N, C-alpha and C. Protein backbone atom coordinates (compact mmCIF):
# COMPACT_ATOMS: atom_id res chain seq x y z
N MET A 1 -0.50 16.18 -46.12
CA MET A 1 0.03 17.13 -45.01
C MET A 1 1.08 16.69 -44.21
N SER A 2 2.08 17.27 -44.00
CA SER A 2 3.37 16.85 -43.29
C SER A 2 3.02 16.94 -41.85
N GLN A 3 3.78 16.33 -40.93
CA GLN A 3 3.62 16.12 -39.57
C GLN A 3 3.52 17.50 -38.98
N LEU A 4 4.64 18.18 -39.32
CA LEU A 4 4.91 19.47 -38.71
C LEU A 4 3.68 20.51 -38.98
N LYS A 5 3.12 20.37 -40.13
CA LYS A 5 1.97 21.34 -40.37
C LYS A 5 0.68 20.96 -39.62
N LEU A 6 0.70 19.67 -39.11
CA LEU A 6 -0.50 19.32 -38.23
C LEU A 6 -0.42 20.07 -36.98
N TRP A 7 0.68 20.68 -36.59
CA TRP A 7 0.89 21.07 -35.03
C TRP A 7 -0.09 22.21 -34.83
N ALA A 8 -0.61 22.13 -33.74
CA ALA A 8 -1.57 23.05 -32.97
C ALA A 8 -0.95 23.33 -31.60
N SER A 9 -0.98 24.65 -31.16
CA SER A 9 -0.49 25.02 -29.94
C SER A 9 -1.57 24.56 -28.95
N PRO A 10 -1.24 24.54 -27.72
CA PRO A 10 -2.20 24.04 -26.63
C PRO A 10 -3.41 24.87 -26.64
N SER A 11 -3.37 26.16 -26.89
CA SER A 11 -4.56 26.97 -26.77
C SER A 11 -5.43 26.65 -28.04
N GLU A 12 -4.89 26.42 -29.29
CA GLU A 12 -5.51 26.04 -30.41
C GLU A 12 -6.06 24.59 -30.21
N ALA A 13 -5.47 23.77 -29.49
CA ALA A 13 -6.02 22.32 -29.27
C ALA A 13 -7.29 22.51 -28.41
N SER A 14 -7.23 23.31 -27.50
CA SER A 14 -8.25 23.47 -26.62
C SER A 14 -9.53 24.13 -27.36
N ASP A 15 -9.36 25.16 -28.35
CA ASP A 15 -10.28 25.62 -29.05
C ASP A 15 -11.03 24.63 -30.00
N MET A 16 -10.24 23.54 -30.36
CA MET A 16 -10.91 22.60 -31.19
C MET A 16 -12.16 21.87 -30.49
N MET A 17 -12.02 21.71 -29.24
CA MET A 17 -12.95 20.93 -28.45
C MET A 17 -13.98 21.61 -27.85
N PHE A 18 -15.08 20.95 -27.20
CA PHE A 18 -16.22 21.41 -26.38
C PHE A 18 -15.85 20.95 -25.08
N ASP A 19 -15.65 21.90 -24.18
CA ASP A 19 -15.47 21.70 -22.86
C ASP A 19 -16.74 21.40 -22.13
N VAL A 20 -16.90 20.16 -21.74
CA VAL A 20 -18.30 19.76 -21.26
C VAL A 20 -18.27 19.34 -19.82
N ARG A 21 -17.31 19.97 -18.96
CA ARG A 21 -17.27 19.65 -17.58
C ARG A 21 -18.62 20.23 -16.94
N GLN A 22 -18.89 19.43 -15.90
CA GLN A 22 -20.09 19.76 -15.08
C GLN A 22 -19.81 20.41 -13.91
N PRO A 23 -20.69 21.48 -13.52
CA PRO A 23 -20.30 22.28 -12.22
C PRO A 23 -20.17 21.44 -11.03
N GLY A 24 -19.05 21.57 -10.20
CA GLY A 24 -18.82 20.91 -9.15
C GLY A 24 -18.11 19.67 -9.08
N VAL A 25 -18.00 19.09 -10.41
CA VAL A 25 -17.40 17.89 -10.57
C VAL A 25 -15.78 18.11 -10.60
N THR A 26 -15.08 17.45 -9.79
CA THR A 26 -13.62 17.58 -9.77
C THR A 26 -13.01 16.29 -9.94
N GLY A 27 -11.63 16.35 -10.20
CA GLY A 27 -10.92 15.02 -10.21
C GLY A 27 -10.21 15.03 -11.55
N LEU A 28 -11.12 15.25 -12.60
CA LEU A 28 -10.60 15.21 -14.05
C LEU A 28 -11.33 16.13 -14.83
N GLY A 29 -10.62 16.65 -15.95
CA GLY A 29 -11.25 17.33 -16.91
C GLY A 29 -11.99 16.41 -18.14
N TYR A 30 -12.88 16.97 -18.80
CA TYR A 30 -13.64 16.14 -19.82
C TYR A 30 -14.05 17.04 -20.92
N ALA A 31 -13.48 16.76 -22.11
CA ALA A 31 -13.98 17.75 -23.31
C ALA A 31 -14.18 16.70 -24.45
N LEU A 32 -14.94 17.08 -25.49
CA LEU A 32 -15.21 16.37 -26.81
C LEU A 32 -14.88 16.94 -27.87
N LEU A 33 -14.25 16.02 -28.87
CA LEU A 33 -13.81 16.48 -30.11
C LEU A 33 -14.93 16.19 -30.99
N ARG A 34 -15.46 17.06 -31.82
CA ARG A 34 -16.53 16.83 -32.84
C ARG A 34 -15.97 17.04 -34.29
N PRO A 35 -16.55 16.41 -35.31
CA PRO A 35 -16.10 16.60 -36.67
C PRO A 35 -15.99 18.07 -37.11
N ARG A 36 -17.05 18.85 -36.58
CA ARG A 36 -16.98 20.21 -36.93
C ARG A 36 -17.10 21.07 -35.83
N SER A 37 -16.56 22.25 -35.68
CA SER A 37 -16.61 23.17 -34.57
C SER A 37 -16.21 24.62 -35.05
N LYS A 38 -16.88 25.59 -34.67
CA LYS A 38 -16.49 27.00 -34.92
C LYS A 38 -16.19 27.16 -36.41
N GLY A 39 -17.08 26.36 -37.25
CA GLY A 39 -17.02 26.48 -38.65
C GLY A 39 -15.79 25.89 -39.42
N GLN A 40 -15.08 24.92 -38.64
CA GLN A 40 -13.96 24.28 -39.17
C GLN A 40 -14.04 22.81 -39.04
N GLU A 41 -13.37 22.13 -40.03
CA GLU A 41 -13.30 20.52 -39.89
C GLU A 41 -12.34 20.22 -38.90
N ARG A 42 -12.80 19.06 -38.03
CA ARG A 42 -11.60 18.77 -37.12
C ARG A 42 -11.24 17.38 -37.47
N SER A 43 -10.21 16.84 -36.85
CA SER A 43 -9.69 15.62 -36.96
C SER A 43 -8.91 14.91 -35.72
N LEU A 44 -8.99 13.76 -35.47
CA LEU A 44 -8.26 13.22 -34.50
C LEU A 44 -7.01 13.39 -34.62
N SER A 45 -6.41 13.22 -35.85
CA SER A 45 -4.97 13.28 -36.15
C SER A 45 -4.43 14.56 -35.70
N ARG A 46 -4.97 15.68 -36.04
CA ARG A 46 -4.37 17.01 -35.48
C ARG A 46 -4.48 17.10 -34.12
N LEU A 47 -5.63 16.65 -33.39
CA LEU A 47 -5.53 16.84 -31.99
C LEU A 47 -4.60 15.95 -31.34
N ALA A 48 -4.56 14.68 -31.69
CA ALA A 48 -3.51 13.76 -31.13
C ALA A 48 -2.11 14.23 -31.46
N PHE A 49 -1.79 14.69 -32.49
CA PHE A 49 -0.37 15.29 -32.71
C PHE A 49 -0.27 16.48 -31.84
N ALA A 50 -1.22 17.36 -31.66
CA ALA A 50 -1.05 18.46 -30.66
C ALA A 50 -0.72 18.03 -29.31
N LYS A 51 -1.52 16.98 -28.70
CA LYS A 51 -1.21 16.39 -27.49
C LYS A 51 0.22 15.82 -27.32
N MET A 52 0.65 15.19 -28.42
CA MET A 52 2.05 14.51 -28.34
C MET A 52 3.04 15.69 -28.53
N ASN A 53 2.63 16.97 -28.74
CA ASN A 53 3.62 18.00 -28.96
C ASN A 53 3.13 19.17 -28.34
N PRO A 54 3.23 19.42 -27.11
CA PRO A 54 2.81 20.51 -26.50
C PRO A 54 3.61 21.75 -26.75
N ILE A 55 4.89 21.44 -27.23
CA ILE A 55 5.97 22.41 -27.73
C ILE A 55 5.97 22.15 -29.36
N GLU A 56 6.05 23.04 -30.00
CA GLU A 56 6.17 22.80 -31.57
C GLU A 56 7.44 22.00 -31.74
N PRO A 57 7.24 20.84 -32.53
CA PRO A 57 8.50 20.02 -32.72
C PRO A 57 9.57 20.71 -33.73
N GLY A 58 10.69 20.39 -33.75
CA GLY A 58 11.77 20.95 -34.82
C GLY A 58 12.44 19.64 -35.23
N ALA A 59 13.58 20.13 -36.01
CA ALA A 59 14.42 19.17 -36.70
C ALA A 59 15.13 18.21 -35.65
N THR A 60 15.44 18.68 -34.37
CA THR A 60 16.11 17.92 -33.28
C THR A 60 15.29 17.42 -32.34
N SER A 61 13.93 17.51 -32.44
CA SER A 61 13.08 16.79 -31.53
C SER A 61 13.13 15.35 -31.40
N PRO A 62 12.73 14.66 -30.30
CA PRO A 62 12.75 13.33 -30.09
C PRO A 62 11.51 12.78 -30.93
N HIS A 63 11.76 11.41 -31.50
CA HIS A 63 10.74 10.94 -32.34
C HIS A 63 10.29 9.54 -31.54
N THR A 64 9.00 9.12 -31.93
CA THR A 64 8.78 7.84 -31.37
C THR A 64 9.25 6.75 -32.16
N ARG A 65 9.33 5.56 -31.73
CA ARG A 65 9.87 4.60 -32.60
C ARG A 65 9.20 4.21 -33.92
N CYS A 66 8.00 4.80 -34.32
CA CYS A 66 7.37 4.89 -35.59
C CYS A 66 7.60 6.03 -36.27
N GLY A 67 8.43 6.99 -35.79
CA GLY A 67 8.99 8.00 -36.56
C GLY A 67 8.28 9.47 -36.39
N MET A 68 7.26 9.42 -35.34
CA MET A 68 6.38 10.70 -35.10
C MET A 68 7.25 11.68 -34.31
N PRO A 69 7.43 12.81 -34.43
CA PRO A 69 8.03 13.78 -33.49
C PRO A 69 7.23 13.95 -32.21
N THR A 70 7.86 13.93 -31.12
CA THR A 70 6.97 14.25 -29.84
C THR A 70 7.83 15.05 -28.87
N THR A 71 7.25 16.16 -28.26
CA THR A 71 7.91 16.93 -27.25
C THR A 71 7.33 16.71 -26.00
N ALA A 72 6.32 15.77 -25.82
CA ALA A 72 5.72 15.43 -24.54
C ALA A 72 6.67 14.68 -23.77
N ARG A 73 6.51 14.67 -22.46
CA ARG A 73 7.61 13.82 -21.56
C ARG A 73 7.31 12.37 -21.73
N ASP A 74 6.01 11.81 -22.11
CA ASP A 74 5.98 10.44 -22.25
C ASP A 74 4.62 10.25 -22.99
N HIS A 75 4.38 9.00 -23.53
CA HIS A 75 3.13 8.88 -24.06
C HIS A 75 2.90 7.27 -24.18
N ARG A 76 1.70 6.71 -24.25
CA ARG A 76 1.32 5.28 -24.53
C ARG A 76 0.17 5.23 -25.15
N LEU A 77 0.28 4.40 -26.24
CA LEU A 77 -0.86 3.94 -26.97
C LEU A 77 -1.66 2.68 -26.39
N LEU A 78 -2.79 2.76 -26.13
CA LEU A 78 -3.47 1.73 -25.42
C LEU A 78 -4.73 1.10 -26.16
N LEU A 79 -4.21 0.03 -27.02
CA LEU A 79 -5.20 -0.60 -27.85
C LEU A 79 -6.24 -1.38 -27.23
N ALA A 80 -7.41 -1.58 -27.81
CA ALA A 80 -8.42 -2.20 -27.29
C ALA A 80 -7.99 -3.80 -27.47
N PRO A 81 -8.40 -4.72 -26.75
CA PRO A 81 -8.04 -6.12 -26.83
C PRO A 81 -8.31 -6.57 -28.15
N GLY A 82 -7.33 -7.46 -28.63
CA GLY A 82 -7.60 -8.08 -30.00
C GLY A 82 -7.31 -7.27 -31.16
N VAL A 83 -6.88 -6.03 -31.09
CA VAL A 83 -6.64 -5.11 -32.12
C VAL A 83 -5.10 -5.32 -32.62
N ALA A 84 -4.69 -5.53 -33.84
CA ALA A 84 -3.57 -5.56 -34.30
C ALA A 84 -2.66 -4.40 -33.97
N ASP A 85 -1.42 -4.56 -33.67
CA ASP A 85 -0.38 -3.51 -33.62
C ASP A 85 -0.45 -2.65 -34.88
N PRO A 86 -0.60 -1.31 -34.72
CA PRO A 86 -0.78 -0.51 -35.97
C PRO A 86 0.72 -0.34 -36.56
N VAL A 87 0.93 0.03 -37.84
CA VAL A 87 1.98 0.34 -38.42
C VAL A 87 2.75 1.43 -37.87
N SER A 88 1.93 2.50 -37.63
CA SER A 88 2.49 3.62 -36.94
C SER A 88 1.50 4.50 -36.30
N LEU A 89 1.73 5.30 -35.35
CA LEU A 89 0.58 6.20 -34.95
C LEU A 89 0.06 7.04 -35.93
N GLU A 90 0.78 7.70 -36.69
CA GLU A 90 0.23 8.47 -37.84
C GLU A 90 -0.68 7.82 -38.61
N ARG A 91 -0.32 6.47 -39.05
CA ARG A 91 -1.22 5.63 -39.85
C ARG A 91 -2.60 5.22 -39.03
N LEU A 92 -2.50 5.08 -37.74
CA LEU A 92 -3.78 4.67 -36.93
C LEU A 92 -4.67 5.94 -36.96
N PHE A 93 -3.95 7.01 -36.79
CA PHE A 93 -5.00 8.20 -36.56
C PHE A 93 -5.53 8.50 -38.06
N ALA A 94 -4.75 8.49 -39.07
CA ALA A 94 -5.27 8.84 -40.23
C ALA A 94 -6.27 7.72 -40.89
N ASP A 95 -6.01 6.54 -40.50
CA ASP A 95 -7.34 5.49 -40.94
C ASP A 95 -8.52 5.82 -40.16
N TYR A 96 -8.38 6.10 -38.93
CA TYR A 96 -9.44 6.61 -38.21
C TYR A 96 -10.30 7.54 -38.79
N ASP A 97 -9.60 8.65 -38.98
CA ASP A 97 -10.08 9.88 -39.77
C ASP A 97 -10.81 9.54 -40.96
N ALA A 98 -10.10 8.63 -41.75
CA ALA A 98 -10.77 8.35 -43.10
C ALA A 98 -11.98 7.43 -43.03
N ALA A 99 -12.19 6.75 -41.89
CA ALA A 99 -13.40 6.11 -41.63
C ALA A 99 -14.49 6.69 -41.08
N VAL A 100 -14.42 7.93 -40.88
CA VAL A 100 -15.52 8.69 -40.18
C VAL A 100 -16.51 8.97 -41.34
N PRO A 101 -17.86 8.47 -40.95
CA PRO A 101 -19.06 8.69 -41.87
C PRO A 101 -19.49 10.05 -41.76
N GLU A 102 -20.29 10.56 -42.78
CA GLU A 102 -20.91 11.84 -42.60
C GLU A 102 -21.68 12.17 -41.41
N HIS A 103 -22.39 11.00 -40.84
CA HIS A 103 -23.33 11.28 -39.81
C HIS A 103 -22.73 11.20 -38.32
N GLN A 104 -21.33 10.80 -38.42
CA GLN A 104 -20.62 10.69 -36.97
C GLN A 104 -20.56 12.14 -36.31
N ARG A 105 -20.88 12.04 -35.13
CA ARG A 105 -21.11 13.32 -34.38
C ARG A 105 -20.03 13.58 -33.40
N LEU A 106 -19.16 12.57 -33.05
CA LEU A 106 -18.04 12.48 -32.18
C LEU A 106 -16.87 11.80 -32.51
N LEU A 107 -15.84 12.43 -32.60
CA LEU A 107 -14.44 11.85 -32.77
C LEU A 107 -13.70 11.34 -31.79
N ALA A 108 -13.83 11.86 -30.72
CA ALA A 108 -12.98 11.48 -29.47
C ALA A 108 -13.39 12.15 -28.26
N ALA A 109 -13.12 11.69 -27.18
CA ALA A 109 -13.40 12.24 -25.61
C ALA A 109 -11.86 12.51 -25.13
N VAL A 110 -11.63 13.71 -24.49
CA VAL A 110 -10.39 13.79 -23.94
C VAL A 110 -10.44 14.05 -22.36
N LEU A 111 -9.81 13.05 -21.61
CA LEU A 111 -9.91 13.31 -20.18
C LEU A 111 -8.55 13.81 -19.70
N THR A 112 -8.59 14.72 -18.88
CA THR A 112 -7.30 15.52 -18.38
C THR A 112 -7.31 15.18 -17.01
N LEU A 113 -6.15 14.63 -16.63
CA LEU A 113 -5.87 14.12 -15.21
C LEU A 113 -4.87 14.91 -14.57
N PRO A 114 -5.05 15.60 -13.50
CA PRO A 114 -4.06 16.52 -12.88
C PRO A 114 -3.23 15.67 -12.18
N PHE A 115 -1.87 15.99 -11.94
CA PHE A 115 -0.90 15.38 -11.21
C PHE A 115 -0.54 16.05 -9.90
N VAL A 116 0.00 15.50 -8.86
CA VAL A 116 0.51 16.33 -7.65
C VAL A 116 2.11 16.40 -7.77
N ARG A 117 2.57 17.48 -7.25
CA ARG A 117 4.03 17.72 -7.55
C ARG A 117 4.84 16.79 -6.39
N GLY A 118 4.16 16.12 -5.43
CA GLY A 118 4.99 15.56 -4.54
C GLY A 118 5.07 14.06 -4.69
N GLU A 119 4.82 13.60 -5.89
CA GLU A 119 4.90 12.08 -6.35
C GLU A 119 5.87 12.14 -7.64
N PRO A 120 6.61 11.05 -8.02
CA PRO A 120 7.29 10.95 -9.31
C PRO A 120 6.28 10.98 -10.28
N LEU A 121 6.61 11.38 -11.64
CA LEU A 121 5.78 11.44 -12.55
C LEU A 121 5.53 10.08 -13.05
N HIS A 122 6.50 9.31 -12.94
CA HIS A 122 6.39 7.86 -13.51
C HIS A 122 5.36 7.12 -12.83
N ASP A 123 5.33 7.20 -11.50
CA ASP A 123 4.42 6.73 -10.67
C ASP A 123 3.02 6.89 -11.05
N GLN A 124 2.77 8.37 -11.23
CA GLN A 124 1.40 8.86 -11.56
C GLN A 124 0.95 8.44 -12.95
N PHE A 125 1.93 8.55 -13.90
CA PHE A 125 1.58 8.03 -15.27
C PHE A 125 1.26 6.54 -15.41
N ASP A 126 2.07 5.76 -14.57
CA ASP A 126 1.74 4.44 -14.45
C ASP A 126 0.25 4.10 -13.83
N LYS A 127 -0.13 4.79 -13.08
CA LYS A 127 -1.61 4.92 -12.51
C LYS A 127 -2.43 5.26 -13.66
N VAL A 128 -2.30 6.30 -14.50
CA VAL A 128 -3.21 6.51 -15.50
C VAL A 128 -3.34 5.49 -16.53
N ILE A 129 -2.09 5.01 -16.89
CA ILE A 129 -2.18 3.91 -17.82
C ILE A 129 -2.84 2.67 -17.34
N THR A 130 -2.61 2.35 -16.05
CA THR A 130 -3.39 1.04 -15.58
C THR A 130 -4.69 1.25 -15.63
N TRP A 131 -5.29 2.45 -15.17
CA TRP A 131 -6.76 2.87 -15.26
C TRP A 131 -7.45 2.85 -16.48
N ALA A 132 -6.64 3.46 -17.56
CA ALA A 132 -6.90 3.46 -19.04
C ALA A 132 -7.29 2.07 -19.53
N MET A 133 -6.30 1.21 -19.17
CA MET A 133 -6.29 -0.17 -19.65
C MET A 133 -7.49 -0.96 -19.03
N LEU A 134 -7.98 -0.76 -17.84
CA LEU A 134 -8.92 -1.36 -17.13
C LEU A 134 -10.23 -0.76 -17.67
N HIS A 135 -10.38 0.55 -17.62
CA HIS A 135 -11.67 1.24 -17.81
C HIS A 135 -12.03 1.58 -19.24
N LEU A 136 -11.01 1.55 -20.04
CA LEU A 136 -11.29 2.03 -21.48
C LEU A 136 -11.00 0.68 -22.22
N ALA A 137 -9.82 0.19 -22.24
CA ALA A 137 -9.41 -0.87 -23.26
C ALA A 137 -10.21 -2.21 -22.87
N ARG A 138 -10.16 -2.53 -21.62
CA ARG A 138 -10.71 -3.95 -21.17
C ARG A 138 -12.14 -3.87 -21.03
N ALA A 139 -12.76 -2.72 -20.15
CA ALA A 139 -14.02 -2.82 -19.92
C ALA A 139 -14.85 -2.41 -20.95
N ARG A 140 -14.40 -1.50 -21.97
CA ARG A 140 -15.25 -0.83 -23.05
C ARG A 140 -14.80 -1.08 -24.48
N GLN A 141 -13.76 -1.69 -24.72
CA GLN A 141 -13.11 -2.06 -26.05
C GLN A 141 -12.91 -0.78 -26.80
N LEU A 142 -12.21 0.17 -26.03
CA LEU A 142 -12.07 1.45 -26.59
C LEU A 142 -10.29 1.69 -26.77
N THR A 143 -10.04 2.21 -27.84
CA THR A 143 -8.52 2.55 -28.05
C THR A 143 -8.30 3.88 -27.51
N SER A 144 -7.14 4.09 -26.88
CA SER A 144 -6.81 5.50 -26.43
C SER A 144 -5.22 5.82 -26.52
N LEU A 145 -4.97 7.04 -26.55
CA LEU A 145 -3.68 7.62 -26.36
C LEU A 145 -3.46 8.42 -25.13
N ALA A 146 -2.62 7.92 -24.31
CA ALA A 146 -2.11 8.73 -23.04
C ALA A 146 -0.87 9.43 -23.20
N VAL A 147 -1.03 10.65 -22.80
CA VAL A 147 0.19 11.51 -22.95
C VAL A 147 0.57 12.17 -21.73
N LEU A 148 1.87 12.37 -21.31
CA LEU A 148 2.13 13.11 -20.11
C LEU A 148 2.93 14.20 -20.41
N HIS A 149 2.30 15.41 -19.97
CA HIS A 149 2.81 16.69 -20.07
C HIS A 149 3.39 17.32 -18.87
N ALA A 150 4.64 17.82 -18.79
CA ALA A 150 5.33 18.25 -17.76
C ALA A 150 5.82 19.78 -18.17
N PRO A 151 4.97 20.77 -17.84
CA PRO A 151 5.23 22.13 -18.35
C PRO A 151 6.41 22.78 -17.54
N GLY A 152 6.81 22.11 -16.41
CA GLY A 152 7.92 22.71 -15.78
C GLY A 152 9.21 22.50 -16.60
N ASP A 153 9.29 21.54 -17.46
CA ASP A 153 10.38 21.19 -18.45
C ASP A 153 10.78 22.34 -19.28
N GLN A 154 9.56 23.28 -19.51
CA GLN A 154 9.79 24.61 -20.21
C GLN A 154 9.79 25.78 -19.40
N LEU A 155 9.94 25.56 -18.04
CA LEU A 155 9.96 26.61 -17.11
C LEU A 155 8.53 27.21 -16.91
N ALA A 156 7.52 26.54 -17.22
CA ALA A 156 6.16 26.94 -16.86
C ALA A 156 5.82 26.62 -15.41
N ALA A 157 4.90 27.45 -14.92
CA ALA A 157 4.49 27.23 -13.57
C ALA A 157 3.21 26.08 -13.45
N GLU A 158 2.74 25.83 -14.64
CA GLU A 158 1.61 24.95 -14.60
C GLU A 158 2.02 23.53 -14.03
N ALA A 159 1.11 23.05 -13.33
CA ALA A 159 1.38 21.48 -12.66
C ALA A 159 1.42 20.52 -13.81
N PRO A 160 2.10 19.34 -13.70
CA PRO A 160 2.08 18.26 -14.53
C PRO A 160 0.67 17.79 -14.68
N HIS A 161 0.50 16.88 -15.94
CA HIS A 161 -0.92 16.33 -15.99
C HIS A 161 -0.75 15.42 -17.05
N ALA A 162 -1.88 14.61 -17.23
CA ALA A 162 -1.93 13.61 -18.32
C ALA A 162 -3.33 13.95 -18.97
N HIS A 163 -3.20 13.68 -20.43
CA HIS A 163 -4.32 13.72 -21.21
C HIS A 163 -4.49 12.24 -21.82
N ILE A 164 -5.75 11.72 -21.97
CA ILE A 164 -6.16 10.71 -22.50
C ILE A 164 -7.20 10.86 -23.56
N VAL A 165 -6.63 10.82 -24.97
CA VAL A 165 -7.33 10.96 -26.05
C VAL A 165 -8.08 9.70 -26.30
N VAL A 166 -9.47 9.57 -26.13
CA VAL A 166 -10.13 8.34 -26.19
C VAL A 166 -10.85 8.29 -27.76
N PHE A 167 -10.59 7.40 -28.58
CA PHE A 167 -11.21 7.29 -29.72
C PHE A 167 -12.77 6.86 -29.44
N SER A 168 -13.59 7.56 -30.13
CA SER A 168 -15.01 7.46 -29.63
C SER A 168 -15.63 6.24 -30.18
N ARG A 169 -15.14 5.50 -31.08
CA ARG A 169 -15.82 4.37 -31.60
C ARG A 169 -15.27 2.97 -30.99
N ILE A 170 -16.12 2.07 -30.72
CA ILE A 170 -15.55 0.82 -30.10
C ILE A 170 -14.63 0.19 -31.27
N HIS A 171 -13.43 -0.41 -30.63
CA HIS A 171 -12.44 -0.87 -31.58
C HIS A 171 -12.51 -2.50 -31.50
N HIS A 172 -12.74 -3.15 -32.47
CA HIS A 172 -12.77 -4.44 -32.63
C HIS A 172 -11.48 -4.91 -33.71
N ALA A 173 -11.08 -6.20 -33.60
CA ALA A 173 -10.13 -6.66 -34.40
C ALA A 173 -10.57 -6.63 -35.90
N CYS A 174 -11.78 -6.46 -36.10
CA CYS A 174 -12.36 -6.46 -37.52
C CYS A 174 -12.40 -4.96 -37.96
N GLY A 175 -12.21 -4.01 -37.03
CA GLY A 175 -12.41 -2.65 -37.51
C GLY A 175 -12.98 -1.75 -36.35
N TRP A 176 -13.56 -0.53 -36.75
CA TRP A 176 -14.37 0.33 -35.91
C TRP A 176 -15.68 0.03 -35.91
N ALA A 177 -16.45 0.26 -34.85
CA ALA A 177 -17.78 -0.15 -34.63
C ALA A 177 -18.66 1.29 -34.18
N GLN A 178 -19.64 1.24 -33.33
CA GLN A 178 -20.40 2.17 -33.04
C GLN A 178 -19.74 3.08 -31.85
N LEU A 179 -20.37 4.26 -31.68
CA LEU A 179 -20.05 5.14 -30.62
C LEU A 179 -20.35 4.46 -29.41
N HIS A 180 -19.27 4.66 -28.41
CA HIS A 180 -19.68 4.24 -26.98
C HIS A 180 -20.37 5.16 -26.15
N PRO A 181 -21.55 4.84 -25.72
CA PRO A 181 -22.47 5.65 -25.03
C PRO A 181 -21.82 6.19 -23.87
N ASP A 182 -20.83 5.84 -23.30
CA ASP A 182 -20.21 6.28 -22.12
C ASP A 182 -19.30 7.48 -22.32
N LEU A 183 -19.12 7.90 -23.64
CA LEU A 183 -18.52 9.04 -23.97
C LEU A 183 -19.53 10.30 -24.43
N ALA A 184 -20.73 10.24 -23.72
CA ALA A 184 -21.67 11.12 -24.06
C ALA A 184 -21.30 12.44 -23.25
N GLU A 185 -21.86 13.48 -23.64
CA GLU A 185 -21.57 14.81 -23.02
C GLU A 185 -22.05 14.86 -21.54
N SER A 186 -22.90 14.12 -21.09
CA SER A 186 -23.39 13.89 -19.78
C SER A 186 -22.61 13.10 -18.78
N GLU A 187 -21.57 12.55 -19.32
CA GLU A 187 -20.83 11.50 -18.41
C GLU A 187 -19.57 12.07 -17.69
N HIS A 188 -19.35 13.38 -17.65
CA HIS A 188 -18.28 13.80 -17.05
C HIS A 188 -18.33 13.32 -15.50
N GLY A 189 -19.24 13.40 -14.74
CA GLY A 189 -19.37 13.03 -13.32
C GLY A 189 -18.97 11.54 -13.17
N ALA A 190 -19.66 10.71 -14.11
CA ALA A 190 -19.29 9.30 -13.93
C ALA A 190 -17.76 9.00 -14.08
N TRP A 191 -17.19 9.75 -15.04
CA TRP A 191 -15.71 9.42 -15.27
C TRP A 191 -14.93 9.83 -14.15
N ALA A 192 -15.28 11.00 -13.58
CA ALA A 192 -14.61 11.65 -12.40
C ALA A 192 -14.79 10.65 -11.26
N GLU A 193 -15.87 10.03 -11.12
CA GLU A 193 -16.14 9.16 -10.06
C GLU A 193 -15.28 7.88 -10.15
N ARG A 194 -15.21 7.33 -11.39
CA ARG A 194 -14.39 6.28 -11.56
C ARG A 194 -13.01 6.43 -11.28
N TRP A 195 -12.42 7.59 -11.76
CA TRP A 195 -10.96 8.10 -11.52
C TRP A 195 -10.73 8.17 -10.04
N LEU A 196 -11.45 8.82 -9.46
CA LEU A 196 -11.39 9.09 -8.03
C LEU A 196 -11.31 7.89 -7.08
N ASP A 197 -12.27 6.89 -7.62
CA ASP A 197 -12.37 5.71 -6.90
C ASP A 197 -11.02 4.83 -7.04
N PHE A 198 -10.66 4.82 -8.16
CA PHE A 198 -9.34 4.04 -8.52
C PHE A 198 -8.26 4.70 -8.07
N CYS A 199 -8.07 5.97 -7.79
CA CYS A 199 -6.96 6.59 -7.14
C CYS A 199 -6.87 6.17 -5.40
N GLU A 200 -8.16 5.96 -5.09
CA GLU A 200 -8.23 5.61 -3.59
C GLU A 200 -7.75 4.30 -3.49
N ALA A 201 -8.23 3.51 -4.32
CA ALA A 201 -7.85 1.95 -4.29
C ALA A 201 -6.25 1.89 -4.58
N TRP A 202 -5.67 2.71 -5.60
CA TRP A 202 -4.27 2.63 -5.85
C TRP A 202 -3.54 3.22 -4.46
N ARG A 203 -4.01 4.11 -3.70
CA ARG A 203 -3.33 4.76 -2.78
C ARG A 203 -3.36 3.60 -1.50
N ARG A 204 -4.41 2.68 -1.45
CA ARG A 204 -4.61 1.76 -0.37
C ARG A 204 -4.10 0.58 -0.84
N ARG A 205 -3.40 0.33 -2.03
CA ARG A 205 -2.77 -1.04 -2.43
C ARG A 205 -1.83 -1.45 -1.56
N PRO A 206 -1.67 -2.75 -1.10
CA PRO A 206 -0.58 -3.16 -0.19
C PRO A 206 0.76 -3.31 -1.04
N ALA A 207 1.80 -2.96 -0.17
CA ALA A 207 3.23 -2.87 -0.72
C ALA A 207 3.53 -4.47 -1.13
N ALA A 208 4.53 -4.57 -2.02
CA ALA A 208 5.02 -5.97 -2.32
C ALA A 208 5.69 -6.40 -1.43
């Protein structure tokens, strides 16, 4: 399947996932990608490609250094410690999907972090990347893909935001291991609390 055939619109990407946000919990969105939903097979490859391309890519679209088209404002692959650099994003996603056993019930979790309009996007994305490195890669040995969306680039009124696509299996140098329990359906409140606490610490950090 070619890269362009993998593309899914933002609404189609949302339909792939289960929105498991808890009532009254604010700060970030939380959704889960399962191998099967609504009678269709799902893959991390297609979801990640959709997040990398909120607008359908064309022949003149920018490409990552490894050759994948992307229409997102920015992105960052955050590997678990000790994991080798992948040949390409496409290869990493495909290898992950190929390693999914029949009894695996979760492919990924997606955290959606809203941005404010009064701060530069690069500052806010730096905060997201730092948090993901500390709480996902370092603390939990999880690999993830952070993507920055700026709908205003396409004249849309929606506020900028970031998505973190978190691979559900613990990632070691020797390969993929078990599902991480902190990516359970019931964990939305805990992730929101971690993010809001980090945002407060980030706000209070001393100037250099």
